[in-house]
């Protein structure tokens, strides 16, 4: 996670964790790379009721609503948007539902359309880069063979 988490309050960390869950569930699929983000946000949230809410939403595939808390600077919102973009392309797929999710996020954050398209271009460039990276890493070029056993998904 490249977001400067230490700059967020506990309430803002919970907000961010909810956004991550909403991003992961945008396409109603939880891919192996996305499970890494779930593990990371599980460590961010301190209140037991917040952790329970996040785990319940994941189990039920029920994304929380998109919102923008008060007191977050535009620079942090941009960093959050970029992190959400990375989550979306982590599975080497950028589904229409994920694009629609980012569209709702940019509007909620109050970004201009021009700025949004610049960020979206960065995301698409990242997806192209990740796709080429995967082709180099896998002889057959297919991502189906990249799997992690369920036992390795538990955080230590």
C-alpha atoms as a PDB file:
ATOM      1  CA  UNK A   1       0.000   0.000   0.000  1.00  0.00           C
ATOM      2  CA  UNK A   2       1.578   3.270  -1.086  1.00  0.00           C
ATOM      3  CA  UNK A   3      -0.891   5.599   0.631  1.00  0.00           C
ATOM      4  CA  UNK A   4       0.550   7.631   3.553  1.00  0.00           C
ATOM      5  CA  UNK A   5      -1.740   5.983   6.113  1.00  0.00           C
ATOM      6  CA  UNK A   6      -0.047   7.675   9.077  1.00  0.00           C
ATOM      7  CA  UNK A   7      -1.522  10.988   7.871  1.00  0.00           C
ATOM      8  CA  UNK A   8      -5.076   9.642   8.346  1.00  0.00           C
ATOM      9  CA  UNK A   9      -7.070   9.644  11.566  1.00  0.00           C
ATOM     10  CA  UNK A  10      -8.677   6.385  12.718  1.00  0.00           C
ATOM     11  CA  UNK A  11     -12.037   7.560  11.330  1.00  0.00           C
ATOM     12  CA  UNK A  12     -10.401   8.346   7.985  1.00  0.00           C
ATOM     13  CA  UNK A  13      -8.654   4.974   7.978  1.00  0.00           C
ATOM     14  CA  UNK A  14     -12.026   3.277   8.400  1.00  0.00           C
ATOM     15  CA  UNK A  15     -13.410   5.418   5.562  1.00  0.00           C
ATOM     16  CA  UNK A  16     -10.449   4.386   3.406  1.00  0.00           C
ATOM     17  CA  UNK A  17     -10.925   0.709   4.318  1.00  0.00           C
ATOM     18  CA  UNK A  18     -14.565   0.974   3.267  1.00  0.00           C
ATOM     19  CA  UNK A  19     -13.530   2.488  -0.070  1.00  0.00           C
ATOM     20  CA  UNK A  20     -11.053  -0.334  -0.623  1.00  0.00           C
ATOM     21  CA  UNK A  21     -13.795  -2.895   0.031  1.00  0.00           C
ATOM     22  CA  UNK A  22     -16.129  -1.033  -2.329  1.00  0.00           C
ATOM     23  CA  UNK A  23     -13.388  -1.022  -4.986  1.00  0.00           C
ATOM     24  CA  UNK A  24     -12.697  -4.724  -4.570  1.00  0.00           C
ATOM     25  CA  UNK A  25     -16.400  -5.568  -4.767  1.00  0.00           C
ATOM     26  CA  UNK A  26     -17.100  -3.232  -7.712  1.00  0.00           C
ATOM     27  CA  UNK A  27     -17.000  -6.160 -10.160  1.00  0.00           C
ATOM     28  CA  UNK A  28     -18.451  -8.641  -7.616  1.00  0.00           C
ATOM     29  CA  UNK A  29     -15.247 -10.707  -7.865  1.00  0.00           C
ATOM     30  CA  UNK A  30     -12.463 -11.001  -5.307  1.00  0.00           C
ATOM     31  CA  UNK A  31      -9.251 -11.920  -7.076  1.00  0.00           C
ATOM     32  CA  UNK A  32      -6.107 -13.246  -5.428  1.00  0.00           C
ATOM     33  CA  UNK A  33      -4.229  -9.928  -5.733  1.00  0.00           C
ATOM     34  CA  UNK A  34      -7.183  -8.140  -4.142  1.00  0.00           C
ATOM     35  CA  UNK A  35      -6.955 -10.409  -1.097  1.00  0.00           C
ATOM     36  CA  UNK A  36      -3.608  -8.781  -0.338  1.00  0.00           C
ATOM     37  CA  UNK A  37      -5.372  -5.434  -0.029  1.00  0.00           C
ATOM     38  CA  UNK A  38      -7.986  -6.990   2.252  1.00  0.00           C
ATOM     39  CA  UNK A  39      -5.222  -8.226   4.558  1.00  0.00           C
ATOM     40  CA  UNK A  40      -3.623  -4.782   4.614  1.00  0.00           C
ATOM     41  CA  UNK A  41      -6.797  -2.888   5.456  1.00  0.00           C
ATOM     42  CA  UNK A  42      -7.705  -5.414   8.129  1.00  0.00           C
ATOM     43  CA  UNK A  43      -4.609  -4.205   9.967  1.00  0.00           C
ATOM     44  CA  UNK A  44      -5.560  -0.529   9.555  1.00  0.00           C
ATOM     45  CA  UNK A  45      -8.907  -0.653  11.280  1.00  0.00           C
ATOM     46  CA  UNK A  46      -8.622  -0.802  15.064  1.00  0.00           C
ATOM     47  CA  UNK A  47     -12.210  -0.816  16.357  1.00  0.00           C
ATOM     48  CA  UNK A  48     -13.660  -4.351  16.520  1.00  0.00           C
ATOM     49  CA  UNK A  49     -17.054  -3.191  15.207  1.00  0.00           C
ATOM     50  CA  UNK A  50     -15.390  -1.617  12.178  1.00  0.00           C
ATOM     51  CA  UNK A  51     -13.397  -4.784  11.483  1.00  0.00           C
ATOM     52  CA  UNK A  52     -16.597  -6.808  11.786  1.00  0.00           C
ATOM     53  CA  UNK A  53     -18.406  -4.468   9.389  1.00  0.00           C
ATOM     54  CA  UNK A  54     -15.646  -4.848   6.810  1.00  0.00           C
ATOM     55  CA  UNK A  55     -15.532  -8.644   7.125  1.00  0.00           C
ATOM     56  CA  UNK A  56     -19.335  -8.881   6.911  1.00  0.00           C
ATOM     57  CA  UNK A  57     -19.412  -6.722   3.787  1.00  0.00           C
ATOM     58  CA  UNK A  58     -16.763  -8.902   2.173  1.00  0.00           C
ATOM     59  CA  UNK A  59     -18.578 -12.111   3.090  1.00  0.00           C
ATOM     60  CA  UNK A  60     -21.911 -10.794   1.783  1.00  0.00           C
ATOM     61  CA  UNK A  61     -20.298  -8.981  -1.162  1.00  0.00           C
ATOM     62  CA  UNK A  62     -22.105  -5.867  -0.009  1.00  0.00           C
ATOM     63  CA  UNK A  63     -20.031  -2.772  -0.812  1.00  0.00           C
ATOM     64  CA  UNK A  64     -20.350   0.275   1.437  1.00  0.00           C
ATOM     65  CA  UNK A  65     -21.512   3.569  -0.089  1.00  0.00           C
ATOM     66  CA  UNK A  66     -18.968   5.958  -1.554  1.00  0.00           C
ATOM     67  CA  UNK A  67     -18.446   9.068   0.519  1.00  0.00           C
ATOM     68  CA  UNK A  68     -15.914  11.800   1.194  1.00  0.00           C
ATOM     69  CA  UNK A  69     -15.133  12.631   4.800  1.00  0.00           C
ATOM     70  CA  UNK A  70     -14.440  16.165   5.916  1.00  0.00           C
ATOM     71  CA  UNK A  71     -10.901  17.252   6.556  1.00  0.00           C
ATOM     72  CA  UNK A  72      -9.175  15.321   3.766  1.00  0.00           C
ATOM     73  CA  UNK A  73      -6.938  17.384   1.504  1.00  0.00           C
ATOM     74  CA  UNK A  74      -7.230  17.130  -2.285  1.00  0.00           C
ATOM     75  CA  UNK A  75      -3.716  15.654  -2.452  1.00  0.00           C
ATOM     76  CA  UNK A  76      -4.760  12.812  -0.146  1.00  0.00           C
ATOM     77  CA  UNK A  77      -7.931  12.276  -2.179  1.00  0.00           C
ATOM     78  CA  UNK A  78      -5.790  12.004  -5.309  1.00  0.00           C
ATOM     79  CA  UNK A  79      -3.525   9.477  -3.551  1.00  0.00           C
ATOM     80  CA  UNK A  80      -6.601   7.479  -2.463  1.00  0.00           C
ATOM     81  CA  UNK A  81      -7.948   7.542  -6.018  1.00  0.00           C
ATOM     82  CA  UNK A  82      -4.613   6.288  -7.369  1.00  0.00           C
ATOM     83  CA  UNK A  83      -4.532   3.505  -4.775  1.00  0.00           C
ATOM     84  CA  UNK A  84      -8.084   2.480  -5.694  1.00  0.00           C
ATOM     85  CA  UNK A  85      -6.983   2.398  -9.330  1.00  0.00           C
ATOM     86  CA  UNK A  86      -4.081   0.102  -8.451  1.00  0.00           C
ATOM     87  CA  UNK A  87      -6.493  -2.205  -6.658  1.00  0.00           C
ATOM     88  CA  UNK A  88      -8.768  -2.295  -9.684  1.00  0.00           C
ATOM     89  CA  UNK A  89      -5.991  -3.303 -12.076  1.00  0.00           C
ATOM     90  CA  UNK A  90      -4.224  -5.677  -9.679  1.00  0.00           C
ATOM     91  CA  UNK A  91      -5.995  -8.640 -11.314  1.00  0.00           C
ATOM     92  CA  UNK A  92      -4.963  -7.518 -14.830  1.00  0.00           C
ATOM     93  CA  UNK A  93      -8.570  -6.658 -15.627  1.00  0.00           C
ATOM     94  CA  UNK A  94     -10.371  -3.334 -15.655  1.00  0.00           C
ATOM     95  CA  UNK A  95     -14.046  -4.227 -15.870  1.00  0.00           C
ATOM     96  CA  UNK A  96     -16.778  -1.777 -16.841  1.00  0.00           C
ATOM     97  CA  UNK A  97     -18.144  -1.954 -13.298  1.00  0.00           C
ATOM     98  CA  UNK A  98     -14.744  -0.874 -11.978  1.00  0.00           C
ATOM     99  CA  UNK A  99     -14.665   2.075 -14.384  1.00  0.00           C
ATOM    100  CA  UNK A 100     -18.145   3.051 -13.244  1.00  0.00           C
ATOM    101  CA  UNK A 101     -16.974   2.830  -9.631  1.00  0.00           C
ATOM    102  CA  UNK A 102     -14.051   5.190 -10.308  1.00  0.00           C
ATOM    103  CA  UNK A 103     -16.470   7.515 -12.098  1.00  0.00           C
ATOM    104  CA  UNK A 104     -18.604   7.719  -8.942  1.00  0.00           C
ATOM    105  CA  UNK A 105     -15.495   8.204  -6.787  1.00  0.00           C
ATOM    106  CA  UNK A 106     -14.147  11.113  -8.839  1.00  0.00           C
ATOM    107  CA  UNK A 107     -17.521  12.856  -8.661  1.00  0.00           C
ATOM    108  CA  UNK A 108     -17.749  12.245  -4.912  1.00  0.00           C
ATOM    109  CA  UNK A 109     -14.230  13.621  -4.447  1.00  0.00           C
ATOM    110  CA  UNK A 110     -15.075  16.748  -6.450  1.00  0.00           C
ATOM    111  CA  UNK A 111     -12.397  16.246  -9.112  1.00  0.00           C
ATOM    112  CA  UNK A 112     -12.746  18.008 -12.446  1.00  0.00           C
ATOM    113  CA  UNK A 113     -13.450  15.837 -15.452  1.00  0.00           C
ATOM    114  CA  UNK A 114     -10.101  16.775 -17.003  1.00  0.00           C
ATOM    115  CA  UNK A 115      -8.228  15.708 -13.872  1.00  0.00           C
ATOM    116  CA  UNK A 116     -10.251  12.497 -13.719  1.00  0.00           C
ATOM    117  CA  UNK A 117      -9.334  11.615 -17.292  1.00  0.00           C
ATOM    118  CA  UNK A 118      -5.659  12.224 -16.529  1.00  0.00           C
ATOM    119  CA  UNK A 119      -5.883   9.877 -13.538  1.00  0.00           C
ATOM    120  CA  UNK A 120      -7.810   7.334 -15.600  1.00  0.00           C
ATOM    121  CA  UNK A 121      -5.129   7.516 -18.307  1.00  0.00           C
ATOM    122  CA  UNK A 122      -2.518   6.764 -15.650  1.00  0.00           C
ATOM    123  CA  UNK A 123      -4.592   3.767 -14.568  1.00  0.00           C
ATOM    124  CA  UNK A 124      -4.894   2.458 -18.131  1.00  0.00           C
ATOM    125  CA  UNK A 125      -1.142   2.900 -18.664  1.00  0.00           C
ATOM    126  CA  UNK A 126      -0.570   0.919 -15.463  1.00  0.00           C
ATOM    127  CA  UNK A 127      -2.867  -1.833 -16.693  1.00  0.00           C
ATOM    128  CA  UNK A 128      -0.982  -2.061 -19.993  1.00  0.00           C
ATOM    129  CA  UNK A 129       2.310  -2.210 -18.103  1.00  0.00           C
ATOM    130  CA  UNK A 130       1.029  -4.927 -15.738  1.00  0.00           C
ATOM    131  CA  UNK A 131      -0.290  -6.946 -18.684  1.00  0.00           C
ATOM    132  CA  UNK A 132       3.093  -6.835 -20.405  1.00  0.00           C
ATOM    133  CA  UNK A 133       4.832  -7.707 -17.143  1.00  0.00           C
ATOM    134  CA  UNK A 134       2.573 -10.745 -16.737  1.00  0.00           C
ATOM    135  CA  UNK A 135       3.320 -11.891 -20.281  1.00  0.00           C
ATOM    136  CA  UNK A 136       7.027 -11.784 -19.499  1.00  0.00           C
ATOM    137  CA  UNK A 137       6.542 -13.691 -16.253  1.00  0.00           C
ATOM    138  CA  UNK A 138       4.323 -16.413 -17.683  1.00  0.00           C
ATOM    139  CA  UNK A 139       5.372 -18.492 -20.655  1.00  0.00           C
ATOM    140  CA  UNK A 140       1.790 -19.062 -21.804  1.00  0.00           C
ATOM    141  CA  UNK A 141       0.651 -15.458 -21.136  1.00  0.00           C
ATOM    142  CA  UNK A 142      -2.409 -16.649 -19.196  1.00  0.00           C
ATOM    143  CA  UNK A 143      -3.135 -15.500 -15.663  1.00  0.00           C
ATOM    144  CA  UNK A 144      -5.275 -18.541 -14.788  1.00  0.00           C
ATOM    145  CA  UNK A 145      -2.231 -20.391 -13.481  1.00  0.00           C
ATOM    146  CA  UNK A 146      -1.433 -17.665 -10.922  1.00  0.00           C
ATOM    147  CA  UNK A 147      -3.129 -18.978  -7.802  1.00  0.00           C
ATOM    148  CA  UNK A 148      -2.457 -18.885  -4.086  1.00  0.00           C
ATOM    149  CA  UNK A 149      -3.668 -21.617  -1.721  1.00  0.00           C
ATOM    150  CA  UNK A 150      -6.446 -20.475   0.619  1.00  0.00           C
ATOM    151  CA  UNK A 151      -4.272 -21.349   3.633  1.00  0.00           C
ATOM    152  CA  UNK A 152      -1.872 -18.560   2.647  1.00  0.00           C
ATOM    153  CA  UNK A 153      -4.583 -15.888   2.732  1.00  0.00           C
ATOM    154  CA  UNK A 154      -4.667 -15.655   6.531  1.00  0.00           C
ATOM    155  CA  UNK A 155      -2.679 -12.713   7.919  1.00  0.00           C
ATOM    156  CA  UNK A 156      -0.035 -13.615  10.478  1.00  0.00           C
END
